[in-house]
Structure formats: C-alpha cells, structure tokens
All heavy atoms as atom14 arrays in JSON, in Angstrom:
{
  "sequence": "TCYVPLYRGHGHVPEQLLQYNVDDWWQDVMKAHQFLRNEGYQKISI",
  "atom14_mask": [
    [1, 1, 1, 1, 1, 1, 1, 0, 0, 0, 0, 0, 0, 0],
    [1, 1, 1, 1, 1, 1, 0, 0, 0, 0, 0, 0, 0, 0],
    [1, 1, 1, 1, 1, 1, 1, 1, 1, 1, 1, 1, 0, 0],
    [1, 1, 1, 1, 1, 1, 1, 0, 0, 0, 0, 0, 0, 0],
    [1, 1, 1, 1, 1, 1, 1, 0, 0, 0, 0, 0, 0, 0],
    [1, 1, 1, 1, 1, 1, 1, 1, 0, 0, 0, 0, 0, 0],
    [1, 1, 1, 1, 1, 1, 1, 1, 1, 1, 1, 1, 0, 0],
    [1, 1, 1, 1, 1, 1, 1, 1, 1, 1, 1, 0, 0, 0],
    [1, 1, 1, 1, 0, 0, 0, 0, 0, 0, 0, 0, 0, 0],
    [1, 1, 1, 1, 1, 1, 1, 1, 1, 1, 0, 0, 0, 0],
    [1, 1, 1, 1, 0, 0, 0, 0, 0, 0, 0, 0, 0, 0],
    [1, 1, 1, 1, 1, 1, 1, 1, 1, 1, 0, 0, 0, 0],
    [1, 1, 1, 1, 1, 1, 1, 0, 0, 0, 0, 0, 0, 0],
    [1, 1, 1, 1, 1, 1, 1, 0, 0, 0, 0, 0, 0, 0],
    [1, 1, 1, 1, 1, 1, 1, 1, 1, 0, 0, 0, 0, 0],
    [1, 1, 1, 1, 1, 1, 1, 1, 1, 0, 0, 0, 0, 0],
    [1, 1, 1, 1, 1, 1, 1, 1, 0, 0, 0, 0, 0, 0],
    [1, 1, 1, 1, 1, 1, 1, 1, 0, 0, 0, 0, 0, 0],
    [1, 1, 1, 1, 1, 1, 1, 1, 1, 0, 0, 0, 0, 0],
    [1, 1, 1, 1, 1, 1, 1, 1, 1, 1, 1, 1, 0, 0],
    [1, 1, 1, 1, 1, 1, 1, 1, 0, 0, 0, 0, 0, 0],
    [1, 1, 1, 1, 1, 1, 1, 0, 0, 0, 0, 0, 0, 0],
    [1, 1, 1, 1, 1, 1, 1, 1, 0, 0, 0, 0, 0, 0],
    [1, 1, 1, 1, 1, 1, 1, 1, 0, 0, 0, 0, 0, 0],
    [1, 1, 1, 1, 1, 1, 1, 1, 1, 1, 1, 1, 1, 1],
    [1, 1, 1, 1, 1, 1, 1, 1, 1, 1, 1, 1, 1, 1],
    [1, 1, 1, 1, 1, 1, 1, 1, 1, 0, 0, 0, 0, 0],
    [1, 1, 1, 1, 1, 1, 1, 1, 0, 0, 0, 0, 0, 0],
    [1, 1, 1, 1, 1, 1, 1, 0, 0, 0, 0, 0, 0, 0],
    [1, 1, 1, 1, 1, 1, 1, 1, 0, 0, 0, 0, 0, 0],
    [1, 1, 1, 1, 1, 1, 1, 1, 1, 0, 0, 0, 0, 0],
    [1, 1, 1, 1, 1, 0, 0, 0, 0, 0, 0, 0, 0, 0],
    [1, 1, 1, 1, 1, 1, 1, 1, 1, 1, 0, 0, 0, 0],
    [1, 1, 1, 1, 1, 1, 1, 1, 1, 0, 0, 0, 0, 0],
    [1, 1, 1, 1, 1, 1, 1, 1, 1, 1, 1, 0, 0, 0],
    [1, 1, 1, 1, 1, 1, 1, 1, 0, 0, 0, 0, 0, 0],
    [1, 1, 1, 1, 1, 1, 1, 1, 1, 1, 1, 0, 0, 0],
    [1, 1, 1, 1, 1, 1, 1, 1, 0, 0, 0, 0, 0, 0],
    [1, 1, 1, 1, 1, 1, 1, 1, 1, 0, 0, 0, 0, 0],
    [1, 1, 1, 1, 0, 0, 0, 0, 0, 0, 0, 0, 0, 0],
    [1, 1, 1, 1, 1, 1, 1, 1, 1, 1, 1, 1, 0, 0],
    [1, 1, 1, 1, 1, 1, 1, 1, 1, 0, 0, 0, 0, 0],
    [1, 1, 1, 1, 1, 1, 1, 1, 1, 0, 0, 0, 0, 0],
    [1, 1, 1, 1, 1, 1, 1, 1, 0, 0, 0, 0, 0, 0],
    [1, 1, 1, 1, 1, 1, 0, 0, 0, 0, 0, 0, 0, 0],
    [1, 1, 1, 1, 1, 1, 1, 1, 0, 0, 0, 0, 0, 0]
  ],
  "atom14_positions": [
    [[-12.14, 11.31, 3.29], [-11.96, 9.9, 3.61], [-10.49, 9.6, 3.39], [-9.94, 9.93, 2.35], [-12.83, 9.02, 2.71], [-14.19, 9.36, 2.94], [-12.6, 7.55, 2.99], [0.0, 0.0, 0.0], [0.0, 0.0, 0.0], [0.0, 0.0, 0.0], [0.0, 0.0, 0.0], [0.0, 0.0, 0.0], [0.0, 0.0, 0.0], [0.0, 0.0, 0.0]],
    [[-9.85, 8.97, 4.36], [-8.42, 8.67, 4.26], [-8.17, 7.18, 4.34], [-8.81, 6.47, 5.12], [-7.65, 9.38, 5.38], [-7.79, 11.17, 5.29], [0.0, 0.0, 0.0], [0.0, 0.0, 0.0], [0.0, 0.0, 0.0], [0.0, 0.0, 0.0], [0.0, 0.0, 0.0], [0.0, 0.0, 0.0], [0.0, 0.0, 0.0], [0.0, 0.0, 0.0]],
    [[-7.25, 6.74, 3.55], [-6.83, 5.35, 3.54], [-5.31, 5.35, 3.55], [-4.69, 5.94, 2.66], [-7.38, 4.64, 2.3], [-7.0, 3.19, 2.2], [-7.45, 2.27, 3.14], [-6.19, 2.74, 1.17], [-7.11, 0.93, 3.05], [-5.85, 1.4, 1.06], [-6.32, 0.51, 2.01], [-5.97, -0.81, 1.92], [0.0, 0.0, 0.0], [0.0, 0.0, 0.0]],
    [[-4.72, 4.73, 4.55], [-3.26, 4.74, 4.7], [-2.77, 3.29, 4.64], [-2.78, 2.59, 5.65], [-2.84, 5.41, 6.03], [-1.32, 5.48, 6.12], [-3.45, 6.79, 6.17], [0.0, 0.0, 0.0], [0.0, 0.0, 0.0], [0.0, 0.0, 0.0], [0.0, 0.0, 0.0], [0.0, 0.0, 0.0], [0.0, 0.0, 0.0], [0.0, 0.0, 0.0]],
    [[-2.36, 2.84, 3.45], [-1.87, 1.46, 3.35], [-0.49, 1.33, 3.99], [0.28, 2.28, 4.05], [-1.79, 1.21, 1.85], [-1.6, 2.57, 1.27], [-2.33, 3.53, 2.17], [0.0, 0.0, 0.0], [0.0, 0.0, 0.0], [0.0, 0.0, 0.0], [0.0, 0.0, 0.0], [0.0, 0.0, 0.0], [0.0, 0.0, 0.0], [0.0, 0.0, 0.0]],
    [[-0.19, 0.14, 4.47], [1.11, -0.16, 5.06], [1.85, -1.09, 4.11], [1.36, -2.17, 3.79], [0.92, -0.82, 6.43], [2.16, -1.06, 7.26], [2.84, 0.26, 7.63], [1.81, -1.82, 8.54], [0.0, 0.0, 0.0], [0.0, 0.0, 0.0], [0.0, 0.0, 0.0], [0.0, 0.0, 0.0], [0.0, 0.0, 0.0], [0.0, 0.0, 0.0]],
    [[3.0, -0.64, 3.65], [3.8, -1.49, 2.75], [4.25, -2.74, 3.49], [4.56, -2.7, 4.68], [5.04, -0.75, 2.25], [4.81, 0.51, 1.48], [5.68, 1.57, 1.59], [3.73, 0.65, 0.62], [5.5, 2.75, 0.88], [3.53, 1.82, -0.1], [4.41, 2.86, 0.04], [4.23, 4.01, -0.65], [0.0, 0.0, 0.0], [0.0, 0.0, 0.0]],
    [[4.33, -3.83, 2.74], [4.79, -5.09, 3.33], [6.16, -4.9, 3.99], [7.05, -4.25, 3.43], [4.9, -6.17, 2.26], [3.54, -6.72, 1.87], [3.68, -7.71, 0.77], [3.39, -6.99, -0.48], [3.37, -7.58, -1.66], [3.64, -8.85, -1.8], [3.07, -6.87, -2.74], [0.0, 0.0, 0.0], [0.0, 0.0, 0.0], [0.0, 0.0, 0.0]],
    [[6.29, -5.44, 5.2], [7.54, -5.36, 5.94], [7.66, -4.12, 6.8], [8.48, -4.08, 7.71], [0.0, 0.0, 0.0], [0.0, 0.0, 0.0], [0.0, 0.0, 0.0], [0.0, 0.0, 0.0], [0.0, 0.0, 0.0], [0.0, 0.0, 0.0], [0.0, 0.0, 0.0], [0.0, 0.0, 0.0], [0.0, 0.0, 0.0], [0.0, 0.0, 0.0]],
    [[6.87, -3.1, 6.54], [6.9, -1.87, 7.33], [6.05, -2.06, 8.59], [5.06, -2.78, 8.59], [6.37, -0.69, 6.52], [7.3, -0.22, 5.47], [7.59, -0.96, 4.34], [8.03, 0.91, 5.37], [8.45, -0.28, 3.59], [8.74, 0.85, 4.2], [0.0, 0.0, 0.0], [0.0, 0.0, 0.0], [0.0, 0.0, 0.0], [0.0, 0.0, 0.0]],
    [[6.44, -1.39, 9.65], [5.66, -1.44, 10.88], [5.93, -2.67, 11.72], [5.19, -2.96, 12.66], [0.0, 0.0, 0.0], [0.0, 0.0, 0.0], [0.0, 0.0, 0.0], [0.0, 0.0, 0.0], [0.0, 0.0, 0.0], [0.0, 0.0, 0.0], [0.0, 0.0, 0.0], [0.0, 0.0, 0.0], [0.0, 0.0, 0.0], [0.0, 0.0, 0.0]],
    [[6.97, -3.4, 11.39], [7.34, -4.62, 12.11], [8.8, -4.51, 12.54], [9.41, -3.45, 12.42], [7.13, -5.85, 11.22], [5.74, -6.0, 10.72], [4.7, -6.44, 11.51], [5.19, -5.73, 9.51], [3.57, -6.45, 10.8], [3.85, -6.02, 9.59], [0.0, 0.0, 0.0], [0.0, 0.0, 0.0], [0.0, 0.0, 0.0], [0.0, 0.0, 0.0]],
    [[9.36, -5.61, 12.97], [10.78, -5.6, 13.32], [11.59, -5.29, 12.06], [11.2, -5.67, 10.95], [11.22, -6.95, 13.94], [10.51, -7.18, 15.27], [10.98, -8.1, 13.0], [0.0, 0.0, 0.0], [0.0, 0.0, 0.0], [0.0, 0.0, 0.0], [0.0, 0.0, 0.0], [0.0, 0.0, 0.0], [0.0, 0.0, 0.0], [0.0, 0.0, 0.0]],
    [[12.7, -4.57, 12.2], [13.47, -4.15, 11.01], [13.87, -5.29, 10.08], [13.87, -5.11, 8.86], [14.71, -3.49, 11.62], [14.26, -3.01, 12.95], [13.28, -4.04, 13.43], [0.0, 0.0, 0.0], [0.0, 0.0, 0.0], [0.0, 0.0, 0.0], [0.0, 0.0, 0.0], [0.0, 0.0, 0.0], [0.0, 0.0, 0.0], [0.0, 0.0, 0.0]],
    [[14.2, -6.45, 10.61], [14.63, -7.56, 9.76], [13.56, -7.97, 8.76], [13.86, -8.45, 7.67], [15.05, -8.76, 10.61], [16.28, -8.52, 11.46], [16.01, -7.7, 12.73], [14.84, -7.57, 13.13], [16.98, -7.18, 13.29], [0.0, 0.0, 0.0], [0.0, 0.0, 0.0], [0.0, 0.0, 0.0], [0.0, 0.0, 0.0], [0.0, 0.0, 0.0]],
    [[12.3, -7.79, 9.13], [11.21, -8.17, 8.23], [11.17, -7.28, 6.99], [10.77, -7.72, 5.92], [9.87, -8.11, 8.97], [8.76, -8.78, 8.2], [7.52, -8.98, 9.04], [7.47, -8.63, 10.21], [6.49, -9.53, 8.43], [0.0, 0.0, 0.0], [0.0, 0.0, 0.0], [0.0, 0.0, 0.0], [0.0, 0.0, 0.0], [0.0, 0.0, 0.0]],
    [[11.63, -6.05, 7.13], [11.64, -5.13, 6.0], [12.51, -5.66, 4.85], [12.18, -5.49, 3.68], [12.17, -3.76, 6.46], [12.11, -2.63, 5.45], [10.68, -2.3, 5.07], [12.79, -1.4, 6.04], [0.0, 0.0, 0.0], [0.0, 0.0, 0.0], [0.0, 0.0, 0.0], [0.0, 0.0, 0.0], [0.0, 0.0, 0.0], [0.0, 0.0, 0.0]],
    [[13.6, -6.32, 5.19], [14.52, -6.82, 4.17], [13.96, -8.0, 3.37], [14.53, -8.4, 2.37], [15.85, -7.22, 4.81], [16.68, -6.05, 5.34], [17.93, -6.57, 6.04], [17.05, -5.09, 4.23], [0.0, 0.0, 0.0], [0.0, 0.0, 0.0], [0.0, 0.0, 0.0], [0.0, 0.0, 0.0], [0.0, 0.0, 0.0], [0.0, 0.0, 0.0]],
    [[12.83, -8.56, 3.8], [12.22, -9.67, 3.08], [11.46, -9.2, 1.84], [11.04, -10.0, 1.02], [11.27, -10.44, 4.0], [11.96, -11.12, 5.15], [10.97, -11.79, 6.07], [9.84, -12.07, 5.7], [11.39, -12.06, 7.3], [0.0, 0.0, 0.0], [0.0, 0.0, 0.0], [0.0, 0.0, 0.0], [0.0, 0.0, 0.0], [0.0, 0.0, 0.0]],
    [[11.28, -7.89, 1.73], [10.5, -7.32, 0.64], [11.35, -6.33, -0.14], [12.39, -5.89, 0.31], [9.24, -6.65, 1.19], [8.39, -7.62, 1.96], [8.45, -7.67, 3.34], [7.54, -8.51, 1.3], [7.68, -8.58, 4.06], [6.78, -9.43, 2.01], [6.85, -9.45, 3.38], [6.1, -10.35, 4.08], [0.0, 0.0, 0.0], [0.0, 0.0, 0.0]],
    [[10.85, -5.97, -1.32], [11.6, -5.01, -2.13], [10.65, -4.0, -2.77], [9.44, -4.04, -2.53], [12.45, -5.73, -3.18], [11.6, -6.52, -4.15], [10.55, -6.08, -4.6], [12.06, -7.72, -4.5], [0.0, 0.0, 0.0], [0.0, 0.0, 0.0], [0.0, 0.0, 0.0], [0.0, 0.0, 0.0], [0.0, 0.0, 0.0], [0.0, 0.0, 0.0]],
    [[11.2, -3.13, -3.58], [10.44, -2.05, -4.2], [9.28, -2.59, -5.03], [8.2, -1.99, -5.05], [11.38, -1.17, -5.06], [10.62, -0.14, -5.84], [12.42, -0.5, -4.19], [0.0, 0.0, 0.0], [0.0, 0.0, 0.0], [0.0, 0.0, 0.0], [0.0, 0.0, 0.0], [0.0, 0.0, 0.0], [0.0, 0.0, 0.0], [0.0, 0.0, 0.0]],
    [[9.48, -3.7, -5.71], [8.39, -4.28, -6.52], [7.22, -4.7, -5.64], [6.06, -4.52, -6.03], [8.9, -5.46, -7.34], [9.91, -5.04, -8.38], [9.79, -3.93, -8.94], [10.86, -5.81, -8.64], [0.0, 0.0, 0.0], [0.0, 0.0, 0.0], [0.0, 0.0, 0.0], [0.0, 0.0, 0.0], [0.0, 0.0, 0.0], [0.0, 0.0, 0.0]],
    [[7.51, -5.28, -4.47], [6.44, -5.66, -3.54], [5.66, -4.42, -3.09], [4.43, -4.43, -3.04], [7.01, -6.36, -2.3], [7.69, -7.66, -2.63], [7.14, -8.46, -3.43], [8.8, -7.89, -2.1], [0.0, 0.0, 0.0], [0.0, 0.0, 0.0], [0.0, 0.0, 0.0], [0.0, 0.0, 0.0], [0.0, 0.0, 0.0], [0.0, 0.0, 0.0]],
    [[6.39, -3.36, -2.77], [5.74, -2.14, -2.28], [4.93, -1.47, -3.39], [3.87, -0.91, -3.13], [6.76, -1.19, -1.67], [7.52, -1.83, -0.54], [7.06, -2.78, 0.34], [8.87, -1.6, -0.19], [8.04, -3.13, 1.22], [9.18, -2.43, 0.92], [9.87, -0.78, -0.69], [10.42, -2.45, 1.53], [11.11, -0.8, -0.08], [11.38, -1.63, 1.02]],
    [[5.43, -1.53, -4.62], [4.68, -0.98, -5.74], [3.35, -1.74, -5.9], [2.31, -1.14, -6.16], [5.5, -1.01, -7.03], [4.7, -0.59, -8.23], [4.37, -1.36, -9.31], [4.11, 0.69, -8.47], [3.62, -0.64, -10.2], [3.43, 0.63, -9.7], [4.07, 1.87, -7.75], [2.74, 1.71, -10.24], [3.37, 2.96, -8.28], [2.72, 2.86, -9.5]],
    [[3.39, -3.06, -5.74], [2.15, -3.84, -5.79], [1.18, -3.39, -4.69], [-0.03, -3.32, -4.92], [2.45, -5.33, -5.65], [3.12, -5.94, -6.84], [3.51, -7.39, -6.6], [3.13, -8.01, -5.61], [4.28, -7.95, -7.52], [0.0, 0.0, 0.0], [0.0, 0.0, 0.0], [0.0, 0.0, 0.0], [0.0, 0.0, 0.0], [0.0, 0.0, 0.0]],
    [[1.71, -3.08, -3.51], [0.87, -2.58, -2.42], [0.21, -1.26, -2.8], [-0.97, -1.02, -2.48], [1.69, -2.41, -1.14], [2.23, -3.72, -0.59], [1.67, -4.79, -0.92], [3.22, -3.67, 0.17], [0.0, 0.0, 0.0], [0.0, 0.0, 0.0], [0.0, 0.0, 0.0], [0.0, 0.0, 0.0], [0.0, 0.0, 0.0], [0.0, 0.0, 0.0]],
    [[0.95, -0.4, -3.49], [0.4, 0.89, -3.95], [-0.74, 0.64, -4.93], [-1.82, 1.24, -4.83], [1.5, 1.75, -4.62], [0.91, 2.96, -5.32], [2.54, 2.17, -3.59], [0.0, 0.0, 0.0], [0.0, 0.0, 0.0], [0.0, 0.0, 0.0], [0.0, 0.0, 0.0], [0.0, 0.0, 0.0], [0.0, 0.0, 0.0], [0.0, 0.0, 0.0]],
    [[-0.5, -0.23, -5.89], [-1.52, -0.52, -6.9], [-2.77, -1.13, -6.26], [-3.9, -0.78, -6.63], [-0.95, -1.45, -7.98], [0.18, -0.83, -8.8], [-0.33, 0.62, -9.73], [-1.39, -0.13, -10.94], [0.0, 0.0, 0.0], [0.0, 0.0, 0.0], [0.0, 0.0, 0.0], [0.0, 0.0, 0.0], [0.0, 0.0, 0.0], [0.0, 0.0, 0.0]],
    [[-2.58, -2.03, -5.3], [-3.72, -2.64, -4.61], [-4.5, -1.59, -3.82], [-5.74, -1.62, -3.8], [-3.24, -3.74, -3.66], [-2.83, -5.01, -4.35], [-2.37, -6.04, -3.33], [-1.81, -7.26, -4.02], [-1.27, -8.25, -3.04], [0.0, 0.0, 0.0], [0.0, 0.0, 0.0], [0.0, 0.0, 0.0], [0.0, 0.0, 0.0], [0.0, 0.0, 0.0]],
    [[-3.81, -0.67, -3.19], [-4.47, 0.38, -2.42], [-5.3, 1.27, -3.34], [-6.45, 1.61, -3.04], [-3.45, 1.22, -1.65], [0.0, 0.0, 0.0], [0.0, 0.0, 0.0], [0.0, 0.0, 0.0], [0.0, 0.0, 0.0], [0.0, 0.0, 0.0], [0.0, 0.0, 0.0], [0.0, 0.0, 0.0], [0.0, 0.0, 0.0], [0.0, 0.0, 0.0]],
    [[-4.73, 1.65, -4.48], [-5.46, 2.48, -5.44], [-6.68, 1.74, -5.96], [-7.78, 2.3, -6.03], [-4.54, 2.9, -6.59], [-5.22, 3.77, -7.57], [-5.73, 3.29, -8.76], [-5.51, 5.1, -7.54], [-6.29, 4.28, -9.42], [-6.17, 5.39, -8.7], [0.0, 0.0, 0.0], [0.0, 0.0, 0.0], [0.0, 0.0, 0.0], [0.0, 0.0, 0.0]],
    [[-6.52, 0.47, -6.29], [-7.64, -0.32, -6.81], [-8.72, -0.49, -5.73], [-9.91, -0.46, -6.03], [-7.17, -1.69, -7.31], [-8.24, -2.45, -8.05], [-8.78, -1.66, -9.24], [-8.02, -1.19, -10.08], [-10.1, -1.51, -9.33], [0.0, 0.0, 0.0], [0.0, 0.0, 0.0], [0.0, 0.0, 0.0], [0.0, 0.0, 0.0], [0.0, 0.0, 0.0]],
    [[-8.3, -0.65, -4.48], [-9.25, -0.76, -3.37], [-10.15, 0.49, -3.33], [-11.38, 0.38, -3.22], [-8.51, -0.93, -2.04], [-9.4, -0.81, -0.85], [-10.24, -1.86, -0.47], [-9.44, 0.36, -0.1], [-11.07, -1.74, 0.63], [-10.26, 0.49, 1.0], [-11.09, -0.56, 1.37], [0.0, 0.0, 0.0], [0.0, 0.0, 0.0], [0.0, 0.0, 0.0]],
    [[-9.54, 1.66, -3.43], [-10.31, 2.9, -3.39], [-11.26, 3.0, -4.58], [-12.41, 3.41, -4.43], [-9.38, 4.11, -3.34], [-8.58, 4.26, -2.04], [-7.54, 5.35, -2.19], [-9.5, 4.54, -0.87], [0.0, 0.0, 0.0], [0.0, 0.0, 0.0], [0.0, 0.0, 0.0], [0.0, 0.0, 0.0], [0.0, 0.0, 0.0], [0.0, 0.0, 0.0]],
    [[-10.8, 2.62, -5.75], [-11.67, 2.62, -6.95], [-12.83, 1.65, -6.74], [-13.98, 1.97, -7.07], [-10.88, 2.24, -8.2], [-9.92, 3.29, -8.66], [-10.65, 4.43, -9.32], [-9.68, 5.4, -9.83], [-9.92, 6.68, -9.9], [-11.06, 7.17, -9.51], [-9.01, 7.5, -10.36], [0.0, 0.0, 0.0], [0.0, 0.0, 0.0], [0.0, 0.0, 0.0]],
    [[-12.53, 0.46, -6.22], [-13.59, -0.53, -5.98], [-14.61, -0.05, -4.96], [-15.78, -0.46, -5.01], [-12.99, -1.86, -5.52], [-12.21, -2.56, -6.61], [-12.3, -2.22, -7.79], [-11.4, -3.53, -6.22], [0.0, 0.0, 0.0], [0.0, 0.0, 0.0], [0.0, 0.0, 0.0], [0.0, 0.0, 0.0], [0.0, 0.0, 0.0], [0.0, 0.0, 0.0]],
    [[-14.17, 0.8, -4.04], [-15.08, 1.36, -3.04], [-15.92, 2.5, -3.61], [-16.79, 3.04, -2.93], [-14.29, 1.86, -1.83], [-13.67, 0.75, -0.99], [-14.71, -0.09, -0.28], [-15.57, 0.48, 0.41], [-14.66, -1.33, -0.43], [0.0, 0.0, 0.0], [0.0, 0.0, 0.0], [0.0, 0.0, 0.0], [0.0, 0.0, 0.0], [0.0, 0.0, 0.0]],
    [[-15.64, 2.87, -4.85], [-16.44, 3.88, -5.53], [-15.87, 5.28, -5.52], [-16.51, 6.21, -6.0], [0.0, 0.0, 0.0], [0.0, 0.0, 0.0], [0.0, 0.0, 0.0], [0.0, 0.0, 0.0], [0.0, 0.0, 0.0], [0.0, 0.0, 0.0], [0.0, 0.0, 0.0], [0.0, 0.0, 0.0], [0.0, 0.0, 0.0], [0.0, 0.0, 0.0]],
    [[-14.68, 5.46, -5.01], [-14.08, 6.79, -4.99], [-13.57, 7.16, -6.38], [-12.85, 6.39, -7.01], [-12.94, 6.86, -3.97], [-13.43, 6.69, -2.56], [-13.31, 5.47, -1.91], [-14.06, 7.74, -1.89], [-13.78, 5.29, -0.62], [-14.54, 7.57, -0.61], [-14.4, 6.35, 0.03], [-14.89, 6.18, 1.3], [0.0, 0.0, 0.0], [0.0, 0.0, 0.0]],
    [[-13.97, 8.33, -6.85], [-13.56, 8.81, -8.16], [-12.48, 9.87, -8.08], [-11.64, 9.98, -8.97], [-14.78, 9.37, -8.91], [-15.87, 8.34, -9.13], [-15.4, 7.14, -9.92], [-14.77, 7.3, -10.97], [-15.67, 5.95, -9.44], [0.0, 0.0, 0.0], [0.0, 0.0, 0.0], [0.0, 0.0, 0.0], [0.0, 0.0, 0.0], [0.0, 0.0, 0.0]],
    [[-12.52, 10.69, -7.05], [-11.53, 11.75, -6.85], [-10.55, 11.29, -5.79], [-10.85, 11.3, -4.6], [-12.2, 13.05, -6.43], [-13.08, 13.65, -7.49], [-13.67, 14.96, -7.02], [-14.5, 15.6, -8.12], [-15.03, 16.91, -7.68], [0.0, 0.0, 0.0], [0.0, 0.0, 0.0], [0.0, 0.0, 0.0], [0.0, 0.0, 0.0], [0.0, 0.0, 0.0]],
    [[-9.38, 10.88, -6.23], [-8.38, 10.34, -5.31], [-7.15, 11.24, -5.35], [-6.59, 11.51, -6.41], [-7.99, 8.89, -5.7], [-9.24, 7.99, -5.6], [-6.86, 8.38, -4.83], [-9.01, 6.58, -6.09], [0.0, 0.0, 0.0], [0.0, 0.0, 0.0], [0.0, 0.0, 0.0], [0.0, 0.0, 0.0], [0.0, 0.0, 0.0], [0.0, 0.0, 0.0]],
    [[-6.75, 11.69, -4.17], [-5.52, 12.47, -4.0], [-4.56, 11.62, -3.19], [-4.99, 10.85, -2.33], [-5.81, 13.78, -3.27], [-6.68, 14.58, -4.03], [0.0, 0.0, 0.0], [0.0, 0.0, 0.0], [0.0, 0.0, 0.0], [0.0, 0.0, 0.0], [0.0, 0.0, 0.0], [0.0, 0.0, 0.0], [0.0, 0.0, 0.0], [0.0, 0.0, 0.0]],
    [[-3.28, 11.79, -3.43], [-2.28, 10.97, -2.75], [-1.19, 11.86, -2.16], [-0.71, 12.78, -2.82], [-1.64, 9.94, -3.71], [-2.71, 9.01, -4.26], [-0.55, 9.14, -3.0], [-2.19, 8.01, -5.26], [0.0, 0.0, 0.0], [0.0, 0.0, 0.0], [0.0, 0.0, 0.0], [0.0, 0.0, 0.0], [0.0, 0.0, 0.0], [0.0, 0.0, 0.0]]
  ]
}
C-alpha cells in the first residue's frame, strides 16, 4: 500500500512554493505518518 503526500506549495506554480517553508513541510510529513497510523498500518517504510 503506497501513500504519497504532497508538501504544501509543491505541484503548483513555482511562486506558490515560496509561501511555505521547511516547518510547513515537516508538519505535512507528520500528518502523513499519523494518517497511516490512523488507517491501522503498523509496518511503515518511507
């Protein structure tokens, strides 16, 4: 099972990327990990 989160500002026009920073993207990582845990996945590889 694969889950590919998109960091805020990525996948859009380049100027939108500058509206976010590393802290925002780290929050996206944490949310993605928590999403998988909430879905019941115990063995998670990244």
